[in-house]
Amino acid sequence: NVSHYIIITVLICLSAFLLMRVMSRLCLLSYHARSSQMFASSPWLPVRNGLPRQDAEDVDFQTPDGAALKGSYFACPEDKRCGAIIYCHEFNGSRWGISDQADSLLASGFDVFSFDMRNHGESRFTHEAVPTPWVTKNDLADVRAAIDYVTERNKDVANFKIGLFGISKGATVAACVAGIDSRVSSVVLDSPAPEGRLFERNCWTTLTKVRRRWGTVFSRKYAFLLVKALLFTIACPFLMLITAWWRWILGFWCGCRFVSTRLLVRLARQPVFIIHGNQDDYCRVDQIHAFCYRMHPRPSVWVVSDSKHGKTAECAGK
């Protein structure tokens, strides 16, 4: 009977639809729990808030999507002005992180504009988007809005140039903005945090460190690392697809859209100077060199001795 086949087909389709919906909801809730636990708990990067300064002009400006941001503008004497430096703070930081370096930049003839990105410092908090350690389109929009403000403020100044100075996640955001905004003339990155952790190289480096203790190479710990490194090499194309799916899931629950930093960084053609500490716990020096390998022209790298994450500029000053 044809009607029976139609009913059975409809029931099968409904069952399959309900099953897929339940599985997708379970998957989304699982990643929602992980993302909430990751971003709602204590940040994995240190909080570094400088002291507020009274010699800066308070600035209020907006992004194209309507986010209200708070900034501070340090103006150097007119006879010394040669450009402006926009400060991009780190994850969970604030615009006052530039307080210690502002005087030296002003003495060199640069205006300094620092601002709080959305959901940071005194900028408006929005529940729609959760701050994340990874670069999003909101971060790019915030920095480009700051560039718009500085450009409009100094539109009557001839040959006025704009540079970006970023720390940690702010450094990665600055490198991405340089790839899509030609108004940026130069970039200084302090302890950038490349999102590709180069897991394979980490495993091989760990194995190499114990090459003199051959007995431990065959232990369970290092054999497990070796297997993971080999599987990572074989499954790299599939992991790229899985990572894209994870990023979409996290972006869905965090109310934002993540960007591919690797693609944007490759587009940067401005001079780039990178400062990195050899005691950085979050990103090793060889990962920074691999990060530079993607950029053309190649950035200049200064490795500061006995310096940790986000502290290279301070150690270099000392």
Protein backbone atom coordinates (compact mmCIF):
# COMPACT_ATOMS: atom_id res chain seq x y z
CA ASN A 1 0.00 0.00 0.00
CA VAL A 2 1.42 3.34 -1.07
CA SER A 3 -0.02 5.20 1.92
CA HIS A 4 1.82 2.87 4.31
CA TYR A 5 5.14 3.56 2.55
CA ILE A 6 4.51 7.29 2.76
CA ILE A 7 3.71 7.11 6.46
CA ILE A 8 6.79 4.97 7.16
CA THR A 9 9.00 7.35 5.16
CA VAL A 10 7.64 10.37 7.03
CA LEU A 11 8.18 8.66 10.38
CA ILE A 12 11.75 7.73 9.45
CA CYS A 13 12.49 11.30 8.34
CA LEU A 14 10.99 12.73 11.54
CA SER A 15 12.95 10.30 13.68
CA ALA A 16 16.17 11.11 11.86
CA PHE A 17 15.48 14.84 12.19
CA LEU A 18 14.79 14.57 15.92
CA LEU A 19 17.86 12.40 16.47
CA MET A 20 20.10 14.84 14.60
CA ARG A 21 18.60 17.77 16.50
CA VAL A 22 19.16 16.09 19.87
CA MET A 23 22.74 15.19 18.94
CA SER A 24 23.46 18.70 17.73
CA ARG A 25 22.01 20.22 20.89
CA LEU A 26 24.08 17.90 23.04
CA CYS A 27 27.17 18.81 21.02
CA LEU A 28 26.43 22.53 21.28
CA LEU A 29 25.71 22.31 24.99
CA SER A 30 28.94 20.42 25.49
CA TYR A 31 30.97 23.09 23.75
CA HIS A 32 28.93 25.78 25.48
CA ALA A 33 29.91 24.32 28.84
CA ARG A 34 33.55 24.18 27.79
CA SER A 35 33.59 27.71 26.45
CA SER A 36 31.79 29.05 29.53
CA GLN A 37 34.24 27.29 31.79
CA MET A 38 37.16 28.60 29.74
CA PHE A 39 36.11 32.23 29.48
CA ALA A 40 34.12 32.71 32.70
CA SER A 41 36.87 31.41 34.97
CA SER A 42 40.10 33.21 35.79
CA PRO A 43 41.86 34.32 32.60
CA TRP A 44 44.84 32.29 31.47
CA LEU A 45 46.73 35.51 30.77
CA PRO A 46 47.88 37.79 33.60
CA VAL A 47 45.96 40.98 34.27
CA ARG A 48 48.23 43.99 33.78
CA ASN A 49 46.52 47.29 34.46
CA GLY A 50 48.68 50.39 34.71
CA LEU A 51 47.86 53.40 36.85
CA PRO A 52 45.48 56.02 35.36
CA ARG A 53 47.07 59.30 34.33
CA GLN A 54 45.63 62.78 34.58
CA ASP A 55 47.61 64.28 31.67
CA ALA A 56 45.55 62.46 29.03
CA GLU A 57 42.43 63.72 27.28
CA ASP A 58 39.40 61.49 27.78
CA VAL A 59 37.86 60.39 24.48
CA ASP A 60 34.56 58.70 23.67
CA PHE A 61 34.07 57.13 20.25
CA GLN A 62 32.04 54.39 18.59
CA THR A 63 32.65 51.48 16.29
CA PRO A 64 30.65 51.07 13.05
CA ASP A 65 28.42 48.49 14.77
CA GLY A 66 27.58 50.92 17.60
CA ALA A 67 29.87 49.75 20.43
CA ALA A 68 30.80 52.68 22.71
CA LEU A 69 34.53 52.75 23.55
CA LYS A 70 36.53 54.81 26.00
CA GLY A 71 40.00 56.12 25.19
CA SER A 72 42.77 58.45 26.34
CA TYR A 73 44.75 60.72 24.03
CA PHE A 74 48.27 61.86 24.96
CA ALA A 75 49.36 64.76 22.76
CA CYS A 76 53.03 65.67 22.34
CA PRO A 77 54.21 69.27 21.65
CA GLU A 78 53.31 70.56 18.20
CA ASP A 79 56.91 71.16 17.14
CA LYS A 80 57.83 67.51 17.72
CA ARG A 81 54.82 65.71 16.26
CA CYS A 82 55.63 63.14 13.61
CA GLY A 83 52.77 60.69 14.04
CA ALA A 84 50.64 58.76 16.51
CA ILE A 85 50.91 55.38 18.22
CA ILE A 86 47.72 53.43 18.94
CA TYR A 87 48.03 51.06 21.88
CA CYS A 88 46.24 47.68 21.70
CA HIS A 89 46.05 46.13 25.17
CA GLU A 90 46.09 42.46 26.02
CA PHE A 91 43.20 40.15 26.89
CA ASN A 92 41.60 41.30 30.15
CA GLY A 93 43.80 44.42 30.14
CA SER A 94 43.01 48.13 29.85
CA ARG A 95 44.19 51.28 28.13
CA TRP A 96 46.39 52.21 31.10
CA GLY A 97 48.86 49.46 30.26
CA ILE A 98 50.73 52.02 28.16
CA SER A 99 51.30 54.36 31.13
CA ASP A 100 54.92 53.32 31.67
CA GLN A 101 55.91 53.72 28.00
CA ALA A 102 53.87 56.85 27.22
CA ASP A 103 56.53 59.36 28.32
CA SER A 104 59.24 57.90 26.11
CA LEU A 105 56.89 57.81 23.12
CA LEU A 106 55.85 61.43 23.70
CA ALA A 107 59.49 62.50 23.97
CA SER A 108 60.15 60.82 20.62
CA GLY A 109 57.51 62.96 18.92
CA PHE A 110 54.52 60.63 18.86
CA ASP A 111 51.01 61.21 20.07
CA VAL A 112 49.73 58.20 22.01
CA PHE A 113 46.15 56.97 21.80
CA SER A 114 45.14 54.13 24.09
CA PHE A 115 41.61 52.78 24.42
CA ASP A 116 39.64 50.05 26.13
CA MET A 117 38.30 47.43 23.75
CA ARG A 118 34.68 46.44 24.17
CA ASN A 119 33.95 44.57 27.39
CA HIS A 120 37.24 45.82 28.84
CA GLY A 121 38.07 48.68 31.19
CA GLU A 122 35.59 51.56 31.02
CA SER A 123 34.18 50.69 27.60
CA ARG A 124 30.56 49.58 27.44
CA PHE A 125 29.93 45.98 28.42
CA THR A 126 27.73 44.00 26.06
CA HIS A 127 26.24 40.66 27.04
CA GLU A 128 25.95 39.63 23.40
CA ALA A 129 29.71 39.09 23.04
CA VAL A 130 31.99 37.35 25.55
CA PRO A 131 35.68 38.42 25.62
CA THR A 132 37.89 35.61 24.38
CA PRO A 133 41.67 35.05 24.17
CA TRP A 134 41.30 34.58 20.40
CA VAL A 135 40.97 37.29 17.78
CA THR A 136 37.45 38.11 16.63
CA LYS A 137 35.93 40.49 14.13
CA ASN A 138 34.89 42.69 17.05
CA ASP A 139 38.55 43.17 17.99
CA LEU A 140 39.41 44.22 14.44
CA ALA A 141 36.45 46.63 14.39
CA ASP A 142 37.58 48.23 17.67
CA VAL A 143 41.11 48.90 16.45
CA ARG A 144 39.93 50.20 13.08
CA ALA A 145 37.52 52.55 14.87
CA ALA A 146 40.50 53.87 16.85
CA ILE A 147 42.37 54.41 13.58
CA ASP A 148 39.35 56.28 12.21
CA TYR A 149 39.33 58.56 15.25
CA VAL A 150 43.05 59.35 15.10
CA THR A 151 42.89 59.93 11.33
CA GLU A 152 39.93 62.30 11.65
CA ARG A 153 41.55 64.16 14.54
CA ASN A 154 44.75 64.80 12.59
CA LYS A 155 43.31 65.17 9.08
CA ASP A 156 44.83 68.66 8.73
CA VAL A 157 48.37 67.47 9.56
CA ALA A 158 50.49 66.71 6.51
CA ASN A 159 52.22 63.33 6.27
CA PHE A 160 50.76 62.22 9.59
CA LYS A 161 51.55 58.53 10.13
CA ILE A 162 49.91 56.00 12.42
CA GLY A 163 51.64 53.06 14.08
CA LEU A 164 50.25 50.22 16.18
CA PHE A 165 51.77 48.94 19.42
CA GLY A 166 50.19 45.78 20.83
CA ILE A 167 50.85 43.42 23.73
CA SER A 168 49.95 39.72 23.79
CA LYS A 169 46.52 39.30 22.18
CA GLY A 170 46.58 43.00 21.31
CA ALA A 171 49.77 42.37 19.35
CA THR A 172 48.08 39.64 17.32
CA VAL A 173 45.10 41.94 16.69
CA ALA A 174 47.46 44.73 15.58
CA ALA A 175 49.20 42.40 13.11
CA CYS A 176 45.84 41.36 11.66
CA VAL A 177 44.65 44.97 11.32
CA ALA A 178 47.89 45.87 9.53
CA GLY A 179 47.00 43.27 6.92
CA ILE A 180 43.64 44.87 6.10
CA ASP A 181 44.21 48.60 6.76
CA SER A 182 46.76 50.46 4.64
CA ARG A 183 46.61 53.51 6.94
CA VAL A 184 48.90 51.67 9.37
CA SER A 185 52.51 52.57 8.56
CA SER A 186 54.36 50.37 11.07
CA VAL A 187 53.68 47.82 13.81
CA VAL A 188 55.45 46.91 17.06
CA LEU A 189 54.39 43.62 18.66
CA ASP A 190 55.24 42.78 22.26
CA SER A 191 54.83 39.06 23.03
CA PRO A 192 52.33 38.19 20.28
CA ALA A 193 50.33 35.03 20.88
CA PRO A 194 50.08 33.07 17.61
CA GLU A 195 46.99 30.90 17.74
CA GLY A 196 48.62 27.97 15.96
CA ARG A 197 50.38 26.27 18.84
CA LEU A 198 52.55 24.14 16.56
CA PHE A 199 51.69 21.07 18.58
CA GLU A 200 53.75 18.78 16.42
CA ARG A 201 56.90 20.81 17.01
CA ASN A 202 56.17 20.90 20.74
CA CYS A 203 56.07 17.11 20.86
CA TRP A 204 59.27 16.69 18.87
CA THR A 205 61.05 19.30 20.99
CA THR A 206 60.04 17.49 24.16
CA LEU A 207 61.38 14.24 22.76
CA THR A 208 64.62 15.91 21.66
CA LYS A 209 65.29 17.27 25.15
CA VAL A 210 65.63 13.73 26.50
CA ARG A 211 67.83 12.37 23.71
CA ARG A 212 70.64 11.73 26.19
CA ARG A 213 68.42 9.67 28.45
CA TRP A 214 67.48 6.96 26.01
CA GLY A 215 65.87 4.89 28.72
CA THR A 216 63.15 7.46 29.26
CA VAL A 217 62.34 7.78 25.55
CA PHE A 218 60.62 4.43 25.65
CA SER A 219 58.65 5.28 28.76
CA ARG A 220 54.88 5.61 28.56
CA LYS A 221 54.94 9.44 28.66
CA TYR A 222 57.29 10.00 25.73
CA ALA A 223 55.90 7.14 23.69
CA PHE A 224 52.49 8.75 24.06
CA LEU A 225 53.92 12.09 22.86
CA LEU A 226 55.54 10.39 19.87
CA VAL A 227 52.27 8.72 18.87
CA LYS A 228 50.38 12.01 19.21
CA ALA A 229 52.95 13.81 17.05
CA LEU A 230 52.70 11.17 14.33
CA LEU A 231 48.91 11.19 14.43
CA PHE A 232 48.91 14.99 14.27
CA THR A 233 51.08 14.87 11.15
CA ILE A 234 48.83 12.34 9.43
CA ALA A 235 45.51 13.89 10.47
CA CYS A 236 46.45 17.54 9.88
CA PRO A 237 43.96 18.12 7.00
CA PHE A 238 41.13 16.58 9.03
CA LEU A 239 42.10 18.58 12.12
CA MET A 240 41.79 21.79 10.10
CA LEU A 241 38.16 20.93 9.34
CA ILE A 242 37.47 19.97 12.95
CA THR A 243 39.10 23.18 14.19
CA ALA A 244 36.93 25.23 11.85
CA TRP A 245 33.85 23.51 13.29
CA TRP A 246 35.04 24.15 16.87
CA ARG A 247 35.63 27.81 16.10
CA TRP A 248 32.12 28.11 14.67
CA ILE A 249 30.61 26.46 17.76
CA LEU A 250 32.56 28.69 20.15
CA GLY A 251 31.75 31.76 18.09
CA PHE A 252 28.05 30.83 18.16
CA TRP A 253 27.97 30.63 21.94
CA CYS A 254 30.29 33.59 22.58
CA GLY A 255 28.33 35.88 20.26
CA CYS A 256 31.24 36.64 17.96
CA ARG A 257 33.00 35.47 14.82
CA PHE A 258 36.61 34.36 14.99
CA VAL A 259 39.00 35.33 12.21
CA SER A 260 41.85 33.43 10.62
CA THR A 261 44.89 35.26 11.94
CA ARG A 262 47.18 33.25 9.70
CA LEU A 263 45.56 34.61 6.55
CA LEU A 264 45.38 38.23 7.74
CA VAL A 265 48.95 38.34 9.02
CA ARG A 266 50.22 37.23 5.63
CA LEU A 267 48.66 40.33 4.07
CA ALA A 268 50.68 42.78 6.19
CA ARG A 269 53.28 44.69 4.14
CA GLN A 270 54.27 47.29 6.74
CA PRO A 271 57.53 47.16 8.71
CA VAL A 272 56.98 44.92 11.75
CA PHE A 273 59.16 44.74 14.83
CA ILE A 274 58.58 41.92 17.34
CA ILE A 275 59.81 41.89 20.95
CA HIS A 276 59.68 38.56 22.73
CA GLY A 277 61.02 37.14 25.96
CA ASN A 278 63.03 33.95 26.09
CA GLN A 279 61.24 33.01 29.34
CA ASP A 280 57.75 33.34 27.86
CA ASP A 281 55.54 30.59 29.29
CA TYR A 282 52.77 30.94 26.68
CA CYS A 283 54.70 31.03 23.43
CA ARG A 284 58.25 29.87 22.78
CA VAL A 285 60.80 31.72 20.69
CA ASP A 286 60.73 29.11 17.91
CA GLN A 287 56.97 29.61 17.62
CA ILE A 288 57.56 33.32 17.13
CA HIS A 289 60.04 32.58 14.35
CA ALA A 290 57.47 30.29 12.73
CA PHE A 291 54.93 33.13 13.07
CA CYS A 292 57.38 35.48 11.32
CA TYR A 293 57.95 32.97 8.54
CA ARG A 294 54.34 33.55 7.38
CA MET A 295 54.90 37.29 6.98
CA HIS A 296 56.45 39.05 3.98
CA PRO A 297 58.58 41.04 4.41
CA ARG A 298 59.97 39.19 7.39
CA PRO A 299 59.69 41.09 10.71
CA SER A 300 62.67 42.03 12.82
CA VAL A 301 62.76 40.04 16.07
CA TRP A 302 64.39 41.07 19.33
CA VAL A 303 64.58 38.31 21.95
CA VAL A 304 64.94 39.85 25.42
CA SER A 305 66.80 37.78 28.00
CA ASP A 306 65.17 36.87 31.31
CA SER A 307 61.81 38.27 30.24
CA LYS A 308 58.37 36.71 30.53
CA HIS A 309 55.11 37.15 28.66
CA GLY A 310 54.07 40.78 28.23
CA LYS A 311 57.06 42.09 30.21
CA THR A 312 59.60 42.45 27.41
CA ALA A 313 59.15 46.19 26.94
CA GLU A 314 59.67 46.80 30.65
CA CYS A 315 62.77 44.58 30.81
CA ALA A 316 64.16 46.18 27.67
CA GLY A 317 63.68 49.63 29.21
CA LYS A 318 65.62 48.58 32.28
